[in-house]
């Protein structure tokens, strides 16, 4: 499995890749030296629009991102690295990137927003940060995002 680290300018790309099921380390305050060190220690592929960062000796695997459009960036990452078969949507937390686990409704009922409690039955919870997810408006928005990726040239195997 491939693991990424995204520089501070690629927050939207990191979030989209997480929504597609990829492991992406991202913080909006990462310094270039920290990115290089983490990449070398964790065998991470560095995603960046900064050519100087990608020239650092510690960075062994990288991809220069050519676009400023997060949708085009996502298509580039998946296409160039041949990751079409590795897409597993909605299996990672979009906030922290950890895996999502099924959450029993009775266990999370009290912390659900009142408008959600009786409307949905299936819930997922981040194994790290605890954020809850369900197939509501956010899921439909992400489904439209996926359609935009296909419109921009993302090719999936049959």
N, C-alpha and C. Protein backbone atom coordinates (compact mmCIF):
# COMPACT_ATOMS: atom_id res chain seq x y z
N UNK A 1 0.85 -1.19 0.00
CA UNK A 1 0.00 0.00 0.00
C UNK A 1 0.89 1.25 0.00
N UNK A 2 0.48 2.22 -0.74
CA UNK A 2 1.23 3.47 -0.86
C UNK A 2 0.75 4.46 0.21
N UNK A 3 1.69 5.21 0.77
CA UNK A 3 1.38 6.23 1.77
C UNK A 3 1.98 7.55 1.31
N UNK A 4 1.21 8.61 1.49
CA UNK A 4 1.63 9.93 1.03
C UNK A 4 1.87 10.88 2.18
N UNK A 5 2.64 11.93 1.88
CA UNK A 5 2.72 13.10 2.73
C UNK A 5 2.56 14.30 1.79
N UNK A 6 1.65 15.19 2.13
CA UNK A 6 1.37 16.34 1.27
C UNK A 6 1.89 17.61 1.92
N UNK A 7 2.47 18.49 1.11
CA UNK A 7 2.97 19.75 1.67
C UNK A 7 1.80 20.67 2.03
N UNK A 8 2.12 21.79 2.67
CA UNK A 8 1.10 22.67 3.25
C UNK A 8 0.15 23.29 2.23
N UNK A 9 0.52 23.28 0.97
CA UNK A 9 -0.32 23.89 -0.07
C UNK A 9 -1.32 22.92 -0.69
N UNK A 10 -1.33 21.68 -0.20
CA UNK A 10 -2.15 20.65 -0.83
C UNK A 10 -3.19 20.05 0.12
N UNK A 11 -3.76 20.86 0.96
CA UNK A 11 -4.76 20.39 1.92
C UNK A 11 -6.00 19.79 1.27
N UNK A 12 -6.49 20.42 0.21
CA UNK A 12 -7.69 19.90 -0.46
C UNK A 12 -7.38 18.58 -1.16
N UNK A 13 -6.21 18.48 -1.76
CA UNK A 13 -5.79 17.22 -2.38
C UNK A 13 -5.71 16.13 -1.32
N UNK A 14 -5.11 16.43 -0.17
CA UNK A 14 -4.99 15.44 0.90
C UNK A 14 -6.36 14.93 1.32
N UNK A 15 -7.30 15.84 1.46
CA UNK A 15 -8.65 15.45 1.89
C UNK A 15 -9.33 14.57 0.85
N UNK A 16 -9.21 14.93 -0.43
CA UNK A 16 -9.83 14.12 -1.49
C UNK A 16 -9.21 12.74 -1.54
N UNK A 17 -7.88 12.67 -1.46
CA UNK A 17 -7.21 11.36 -1.49
C UNK A 17 -7.66 10.51 -0.31
N UNK A 18 -7.81 11.12 0.86
CA UNK A 18 -8.33 10.37 2.02
C UNK A 18 -9.73 9.86 1.76
N UNK A 19 -10.57 10.69 1.17
CA UNK A 19 -11.94 10.27 0.86
C UNK A 19 -11.95 9.09 -0.12
N UNK A 20 -10.93 8.99 -0.93
CA UNK A 20 -10.82 7.88 -1.88
C UNK A 20 -10.15 6.66 -1.26
N UNK A 21 -9.75 6.78 0.01
CA UNK A 21 -9.20 5.64 0.73
C UNK A 21 -7.69 5.59 0.85
N UNK A 22 -7.00 6.66 0.50
CA UNK A 22 -5.54 6.66 0.56
C UNK A 22 -5.04 7.24 1.87
N UNK A 23 -3.91 6.74 2.31
CA UNK A 23 -3.26 7.21 3.52
C UNK A 23 -2.44 8.45 3.19
N UNK A 24 -2.83 9.59 3.76
CA UNK A 24 -2.14 10.86 3.48
C UNK A 24 -1.86 11.56 4.80
N UNK A 25 -0.58 11.81 5.06
CA UNK A 25 -0.21 12.60 6.22
C UNK A 25 -0.19 14.06 5.78
N UNK A 26 -0.91 14.89 6.51
CA UNK A 26 -0.99 16.31 6.17
C UNK A 26 -1.23 17.12 7.43
N UNK A 27 -0.49 18.20 7.55
CA UNK A 27 -0.74 19.24 8.54
C UNK A 27 -0.44 20.56 7.86
N UNK A 28 -1.22 21.58 8.16
CA UNK A 28 -1.04 22.86 7.46
C UNK A 28 0.13 23.68 7.99
N UNK A 29 0.92 23.10 8.89
CA UNK A 29 2.08 23.82 9.41
C UNK A 29 3.38 23.02 9.27
N UNK A 30 3.41 22.06 8.39
CA UNK A 30 4.62 21.27 8.18
C UNK A 30 5.71 22.10 7.50
N UNK A 31 6.88 22.06 8.05
CA UNK A 31 8.04 22.71 7.43
C UNK A 31 8.66 21.74 6.43
N UNK A 32 9.37 22.26 5.44
CA UNK A 32 9.99 21.42 4.42
C UNK A 32 10.92 20.38 5.02
N UNK A 33 11.73 20.76 6.00
CA UNK A 33 12.67 19.83 6.62
C UNK A 33 11.92 18.69 7.31
N UNK A 34 10.80 19.01 7.95
CA UNK A 34 10.01 17.99 8.62
C UNK A 34 9.39 17.03 7.60
N UNK A 35 8.93 17.56 6.49
CA UNK A 35 8.37 16.72 5.42
C UNK A 35 9.44 15.74 4.93
N UNK A 36 10.64 16.25 4.66
CA UNK A 36 11.73 15.41 4.17
C UNK A 36 12.08 14.33 5.19
N UNK A 37 12.18 14.70 6.46
CA UNK A 37 12.51 13.71 7.50
C UNK A 37 11.43 12.64 7.62
N UNK A 38 10.17 13.06 7.68
CA UNK A 38 9.08 12.10 7.79
C UNK A 38 9.01 11.18 6.57
N UNK A 39 9.24 11.75 5.40
CA UNK A 39 9.20 10.95 4.17
C UNK A 39 10.29 9.88 4.18
N UNK A 40 11.47 10.23 4.64
CA UNK A 40 12.57 9.26 4.64
C UNK A 40 12.38 8.18 5.70
N UNK A 41 11.79 8.53 6.81
CA UNK A 41 11.59 7.56 7.89
C UNK A 41 10.41 6.64 7.62
N UNK A 42 9.37 7.17 6.97
CA UNK A 42 8.16 6.39 6.78
C UNK A 42 7.94 5.87 5.38
N UNK A 43 8.94 6.01 4.52
CA UNK A 43 8.81 5.57 3.14
C UNK A 43 7.55 6.16 2.49
N UNK A 44 7.39 7.47 2.66
CA UNK A 44 6.22 8.17 2.14
C UNK A 44 6.53 8.82 0.80
N UNK A 45 5.53 8.88 -0.05
CA UNK A 45 5.64 9.60 -1.32
C UNK A 45 5.24 11.05 -1.04
N UNK A 46 6.16 11.97 -1.32
CA UNK A 46 5.91 13.39 -1.08
C UNK A 46 5.16 13.97 -2.27
N UNK A 47 4.05 14.63 -1.97
CA UNK A 47 3.27 15.35 -2.98
C UNK A 47 3.49 16.83 -2.76
N UNK A 48 3.94 17.53 -3.80
CA UNK A 48 4.24 18.95 -3.63
C UNK A 48 4.21 19.69 -4.96
N UNK A 49 3.97 21.00 -4.86
CA UNK A 49 4.10 21.91 -6.01
C UNK A 49 5.42 22.68 -5.90
N UNK A 50 6.22 22.36 -4.90
CA UNK A 50 7.47 23.05 -4.63
C UNK A 50 8.64 22.19 -5.11
N UNK A 51 9.21 22.56 -6.26
CA UNK A 51 10.32 21.78 -6.82
C UNK A 51 11.53 21.74 -5.90
N UNK A 52 11.78 22.81 -5.18
CA UNK A 52 12.94 22.84 -4.28
C UNK A 52 12.79 21.82 -3.15
N UNK A 53 11.60 21.70 -2.63
CA UNK A 53 11.35 20.68 -1.60
C UNK A 53 11.65 19.29 -2.15
N UNK A 54 11.20 19.02 -3.35
CA UNK A 54 11.36 17.68 -3.93
C UNK A 54 12.81 17.36 -4.29
N UNK A 55 13.69 18.37 -4.31
CA UNK A 55 15.11 18.15 -4.59
C UNK A 55 15.90 17.72 -3.35
N UNK A 56 15.28 17.77 -2.19
CA UNK A 56 15.99 17.41 -0.95
C UNK A 56 16.45 15.95 -1.00
N UNK A 57 17.66 15.74 -0.52
CA UNK A 57 18.32 14.44 -0.58
C UNK A 57 17.55 13.34 0.16
N UNK A 58 16.89 13.68 1.25
CA UNK A 58 16.17 12.68 2.04
C UNK A 58 14.93 12.15 1.33
N UNK A 59 14.43 12.89 0.37
CA UNK A 59 13.20 12.49 -0.31
C UNK A 59 13.53 11.55 -1.46
N UNK A 60 13.08 10.30 -1.32
CA UNK A 60 13.36 9.28 -2.33
C UNK A 60 12.20 9.08 -3.31
N UNK A 61 10.98 9.32 -2.83
CA UNK A 61 9.80 9.13 -3.67
C UNK A 61 8.97 10.40 -3.64
N UNK A 62 8.64 10.91 -4.82
CA UNK A 62 7.88 12.16 -4.86
C UNK A 62 7.11 12.27 -6.16
N UNK A 63 6.16 13.19 -6.13
CA UNK A 63 5.42 13.52 -7.33
C UNK A 63 5.20 15.02 -7.33
N UNK A 64 5.70 15.67 -8.38
CA UNK A 64 5.49 17.11 -8.54
C UNK A 64 4.07 17.31 -9.06
N UNK A 65 3.28 18.06 -8.34
CA UNK A 65 1.90 18.33 -8.70
C UNK A 65 1.86 19.54 -9.61
N UNK A 66 1.31 19.37 -10.80
CA UNK A 66 1.39 20.41 -11.82
C UNK A 66 0.24 21.42 -11.81
N UNK A 67 -0.88 21.07 -11.23
CA UNK A 67 -2.06 21.93 -11.28
C UNK A 67 -2.35 22.56 -9.92
N UNK A 68 -3.11 23.64 -9.94
CA UNK A 68 -3.60 24.24 -8.69
C UNK A 68 -5.02 23.78 -8.39
N UNK A 69 -5.65 23.05 -9.30
CA UNK A 69 -7.01 22.56 -9.14
C UNK A 69 -6.97 21.20 -8.43
N UNK A 70 -7.58 21.09 -7.23
CA UNK A 70 -7.52 19.84 -6.47
C UNK A 70 -8.09 18.63 -7.21
N UNK A 71 -9.08 18.84 -8.07
CA UNK A 71 -9.65 17.73 -8.84
C UNK A 71 -8.63 17.23 -9.85
N UNK A 72 -8.01 18.15 -10.57
CA UNK A 72 -6.98 17.78 -11.56
C UNK A 72 -5.78 17.16 -10.83
N UNK A 73 -5.41 17.71 -9.67
CA UNK A 73 -4.31 17.15 -8.88
C UNK A 73 -4.59 15.69 -8.52
N UNK A 74 -5.81 15.42 -8.09
CA UNK A 74 -6.19 14.06 -7.70
C UNK A 74 -6.09 13.10 -8.88
N UNK A 75 -6.60 13.52 -10.01
CA UNK A 75 -6.52 12.70 -11.22
C UNK A 75 -5.06 12.44 -11.57
N UNK A 76 -4.21 13.46 -11.44
CA UNK A 76 -2.78 13.30 -11.73
C UNK A 76 -2.16 12.24 -10.82
N UNK A 77 -2.39 12.35 -9.53
CA UNK A 77 -1.79 11.40 -8.57
C UNK A 77 -2.22 9.97 -8.90
N UNK A 78 -3.51 9.78 -9.08
CA UNK A 78 -4.03 8.43 -9.31
C UNK A 78 -3.56 7.87 -10.66
N UNK A 79 -3.59 8.70 -11.69
CA UNK A 79 -3.21 8.25 -13.03
C UNK A 79 -1.72 7.99 -13.15
N UNK A 80 -0.90 8.95 -12.72
CA UNK A 80 0.55 8.82 -12.87
C UNK A 80 1.08 7.62 -12.08
N UNK A 81 0.52 7.41 -10.89
CA UNK A 81 1.00 6.32 -10.03
C UNK A 81 0.24 5.01 -10.24
N UNK A 82 -0.71 5.01 -11.15
CA UNK A 82 -1.45 3.78 -11.46
C UNK A 82 -2.24 3.24 -10.28
N UNK A 83 -2.97 4.10 -9.60
CA UNK A 83 -3.66 3.71 -8.36
C UNK A 83 -5.15 3.45 -8.53
N UNK A 84 -5.60 3.31 -9.75
CA UNK A 84 -7.02 3.13 -10.00
C UNK A 84 -7.61 1.95 -9.22
N UNK A 85 -6.87 0.85 -9.14
CA UNK A 85 -7.35 -0.34 -8.43
C UNK A 85 -7.28 -0.19 -6.91
N UNK A 86 -6.63 0.85 -6.43
CA UNK A 86 -6.46 1.05 -4.99
C UNK A 86 -7.48 2.00 -4.38
N UNK A 87 -8.41 2.47 -5.18
CA UNK A 87 -9.43 3.39 -4.68
C UNK A 87 -10.47 2.62 -3.87
N UNK A 88 -10.65 3.05 -2.61
CA UNK A 88 -11.64 2.47 -1.71
C UNK A 88 -12.34 3.63 -1.00
N UNK A 89 -13.33 4.23 -1.67
CA UNK A 89 -13.96 5.44 -1.14
C UNK A 89 -14.57 5.25 0.26
N UNK A 90 -14.49 6.32 1.02
CA UNK A 90 -15.15 6.42 2.33
C UNK A 90 -14.68 5.36 3.32
N UNK A 91 -13.39 5.02 3.28
CA UNK A 91 -12.84 4.08 4.25
C UNK A 91 -11.88 4.76 5.22
N UNK A 92 -11.60 6.05 4.99
CA UNK A 92 -10.71 6.81 5.86
C UNK A 92 -11.38 8.10 6.29
N UNK A 93 -10.97 8.58 7.44
CA UNK A 93 -11.45 9.86 7.96
C UNK A 93 -10.90 10.98 7.09
N UNK A 94 -11.76 11.87 6.65
CA UNK A 94 -11.30 12.97 5.80
C UNK A 94 -10.52 14.01 6.61
N UNK A 95 -10.66 14.00 7.93
CA UNK A 95 -9.95 14.97 8.76
C UNK A 95 -8.55 14.53 9.14
N UNK A 96 -8.41 13.28 9.61
CA UNK A 96 -7.09 12.85 10.08
C UNK A 96 -6.49 11.71 9.27
N UNK A 97 -7.29 11.05 8.46
CA UNK A 97 -6.77 10.00 7.58
C UNK A 97 -6.77 8.60 8.16
N UNK A 98 -7.19 8.43 9.41
CA UNK A 98 -7.22 7.09 10.01
C UNK A 98 -8.39 6.29 9.42
N UNK A 99 -8.37 5.00 9.67
CA UNK A 99 -9.42 4.12 9.15
C UNK A 99 -10.75 4.35 9.85
N UNK A 100 -11.82 4.15 9.08
CA UNK A 100 -13.16 4.23 9.63
C UNK A 100 -13.63 2.83 10.00
N UNK A 101 -14.36 2.74 11.11
CA UNK A 101 -14.91 1.48 11.57
C UNK A 101 -16.42 1.63 11.71
N UNK A 102 -17.13 0.53 11.53
CA UNK A 102 -18.58 0.55 11.73
C UNK A 102 -18.85 0.90 13.20
N UNK A 103 -19.82 1.78 13.43
CA UNK A 103 -20.20 2.17 14.79
C UNK A 103 -21.64 1.76 15.03
N UNK A 104 -21.86 1.04 16.09
CA UNK A 104 -23.22 0.62 16.45
C UNK A 104 -24.04 1.86 16.83
N UNK A 105 -25.21 1.98 16.26
CA UNK A 105 -26.04 3.16 16.48
C UNK A 105 -26.33 3.37 17.96
N UNK A 106 -26.58 2.31 18.69
CA UNK A 106 -26.90 2.45 20.11
C UNK A 106 -25.72 2.99 20.91
N UNK A 107 -24.51 2.70 20.45
CA UNK A 107 -23.31 3.18 21.15
C UNK A 107 -23.03 4.66 20.91
N UNK A 108 -23.50 5.18 19.78
CA UNK A 108 -23.21 6.58 19.44
C UNK A 108 -24.45 7.47 19.46
N UNK A 109 -25.59 6.89 19.77
CA UNK A 109 -26.88 7.59 19.68
C UNK A 109 -26.87 8.93 20.41
N UNK A 110 -26.36 8.95 21.62
CA UNK A 110 -26.40 10.17 22.45
C UNK A 110 -25.52 11.30 21.91
N UNK A 111 -24.52 10.96 21.13
CA UNK A 111 -23.63 12.02 20.61
C UNK A 111 -23.99 12.43 19.18
N UNK A 112 -25.00 11.79 18.61
CA UNK A 112 -25.45 12.17 17.27
C UNK A 112 -26.27 13.45 17.34
N UNK A 113 -26.18 14.27 16.29
CA UNK A 113 -27.07 15.44 16.23
C UNK A 113 -28.52 14.95 16.22
N UNK A 114 -29.42 15.65 16.90
CA UNK A 114 -30.82 15.23 16.94
C UNK A 114 -31.44 15.01 15.56
N UNK A 115 -31.04 15.80 14.59
CA UNK A 115 -31.61 15.67 13.24
C UNK A 115 -31.15 14.39 12.53
N UNK A 116 -30.13 13.73 13.07
CA UNK A 116 -29.56 12.54 12.45
C UNK A 116 -30.02 11.26 13.15
N UNK A 117 -30.31 11.34 14.42
CA UNK A 117 -30.59 10.16 15.25
C UNK A 117 -31.58 9.19 14.64
N UNK A 118 -32.70 9.68 14.18
CA UNK A 118 -33.74 8.79 13.68
C UNK A 118 -33.81 8.72 12.17
N UNK A 119 -32.95 9.46 11.51
CA UNK A 119 -32.96 9.52 10.05
C UNK A 119 -32.05 8.46 9.42
N UNK A 120 -30.97 8.09 10.12
CA UNK A 120 -29.98 7.16 9.58
C UNK A 120 -29.76 6.00 10.55
N UNK A 121 -29.36 4.86 9.99
CA UNK A 121 -29.13 3.68 10.82
C UNK A 121 -27.69 3.19 10.78
N UNK A 122 -26.95 3.57 9.75
CA UNK A 122 -25.58 3.09 9.58
C UNK A 122 -24.60 4.22 9.84
N UNK A 123 -23.65 3.94 10.73
CA UNK A 123 -22.68 4.96 11.13
C UNK A 123 -21.27 4.39 11.09
N UNK A 124 -20.32 5.29 10.85
CA UNK A 124 -18.91 4.94 10.85
C UNK A 124 -18.20 5.93 11.76
N UNK A 125 -17.16 5.44 12.44
CA UNK A 125 -16.43 6.31 13.36
C UNK A 125 -14.95 6.18 13.08
N UNK A 126 -14.27 7.30 13.13
CA UNK A 126 -12.82 7.31 12.93
C UNK A 126 -12.15 6.59 14.09
N UNK A 127 -11.24 5.70 13.76
CA UNK A 127 -10.55 4.93 14.78
C UNK A 127 -9.55 5.77 15.57
N UNK A 128 -9.23 6.96 15.08
CA UNK A 128 -8.26 7.81 15.78
C UNK A 128 -8.91 9.01 16.46
N UNK A 129 -9.62 9.83 15.68
CA UNK A 129 -10.16 11.08 16.24
C UNK A 129 -11.59 10.95 16.74
N UNK A 130 -12.27 9.85 16.40
CA UNK A 130 -13.61 9.61 16.90
C UNK A 130 -14.73 10.28 16.11
N UNK A 131 -14.41 11.03 15.07
CA UNK A 131 -15.45 11.70 14.29
C UNK A 131 -16.41 10.67 13.72
N UNK A 132 -17.69 11.02 13.74
CA UNK A 132 -18.73 10.14 13.22
C UNK A 132 -19.11 10.54 11.79
N UNK A 133 -19.43 9.53 10.99
CA UNK A 133 -19.86 9.74 9.62
C UNK A 133 -21.09 8.89 9.35
N UNK A 134 -21.94 9.37 8.46
CA UNK A 134 -23.11 8.64 7.99
C UNK A 134 -23.37 9.07 6.56
N UNK A 135 -24.21 8.35 5.86
CA UNK A 135 -24.42 8.62 4.43
C UNK A 135 -25.53 9.65 4.24
N UNK A 136 -25.25 10.85 4.67
CA UNK A 136 -26.18 11.97 4.55
C UNK A 136 -25.73 12.93 3.47
N UNK A 137 -25.95 14.21 3.71
CA UNK A 137 -25.61 15.24 2.72
C UNK A 137 -24.14 15.22 2.34
N UNK A 138 -23.26 15.01 3.33
CA UNK A 138 -21.82 14.97 3.07
C UNK A 138 -21.48 13.84 2.09
N UNK A 139 -22.11 12.70 2.27
CA UNK A 139 -21.87 11.56 1.39
C UNK A 139 -22.31 11.89 -0.03
N UNK A 140 -23.45 12.54 -0.17
CA UNK A 140 -23.93 12.91 -1.50
C UNK A 140 -22.99 13.93 -2.15
N UNK A 141 -22.48 14.87 -1.36
CA UNK A 141 -21.52 15.84 -1.87
C UNK A 141 -20.26 15.14 -2.36
N UNK A 142 -19.79 14.16 -1.61
CA UNK A 142 -18.59 13.44 -1.99
C UNK A 142 -18.85 12.56 -3.23
N UNK A 143 -20.03 12.06 -3.37
CA UNK A 143 -20.38 11.30 -4.57
C UNK A 143 -20.31 12.20 -5.80
N UNK A 144 -20.78 13.44 -5.67
CA UNK A 144 -20.68 14.40 -6.78
C UNK A 144 -19.21 14.72 -7.07
N UNK A 145 -18.39 14.80 -6.03
CA UNK A 145 -16.96 15.03 -6.21
C UNK A 145 -16.36 13.89 -7.04
N UNK A 146 -16.73 12.68 -6.71
CA UNK A 146 -16.24 11.52 -7.44
C UNK A 146 -16.63 11.61 -8.92
N UNK A 147 -17.86 12.05 -9.18
CA UNK A 147 -18.31 12.23 -10.56
C UNK A 147 -17.47 13.29 -11.28
N UNK A 148 -17.09 14.35 -10.56
CA UNK A 148 -16.23 15.39 -11.15
C UNK A 148 -14.86 14.82 -11.50
N UNK A 149 -14.34 13.92 -10.66
CA UNK A 149 -13.06 13.28 -10.94
C UNK A 149 -13.15 12.47 -12.23
N UNK A 150 -14.23 11.76 -12.39
CA UNK A 150 -14.43 10.99 -13.63
C UNK A 150 -14.53 11.91 -14.84
N UNK A 151 -15.21 13.04 -14.67
CA UNK A 151 -15.34 14.02 -15.76
C UNK A 151 -13.99 14.63 -16.15
N UNK A 152 -13.05 14.72 -15.18
CA UNK A 152 -11.73 15.31 -15.45
C UNK A 152 -10.72 14.29 -15.95
N UNK A 153 -11.18 13.07 -16.19
CA UNK A 153 -10.28 12.11 -16.82
C UNK A 153 -9.85 10.94 -15.98
N UNK A 154 -10.35 10.80 -14.78
CA UNK A 154 -10.01 9.64 -13.98
C UNK A 154 -10.58 8.40 -14.64
N UNK A 155 -9.76 7.41 -14.88
CA UNK A 155 -10.20 6.17 -15.51
C UNK A 155 -10.15 5.05 -14.50
N UNK A 156 -11.25 4.37 -14.35
CA UNK A 156 -11.32 3.24 -13.43
C UNK A 156 -11.43 1.95 -14.21
N UNK A 157 -10.82 0.88 -13.69
CA UNK A 157 -10.92 -0.41 -14.40
C UNK A 157 -12.37 -0.91 -14.37
N UNK A 158 -12.71 -1.71 -15.33
CA UNK A 158 -14.07 -2.27 -15.40
C UNK A 158 -14.29 -3.31 -14.33
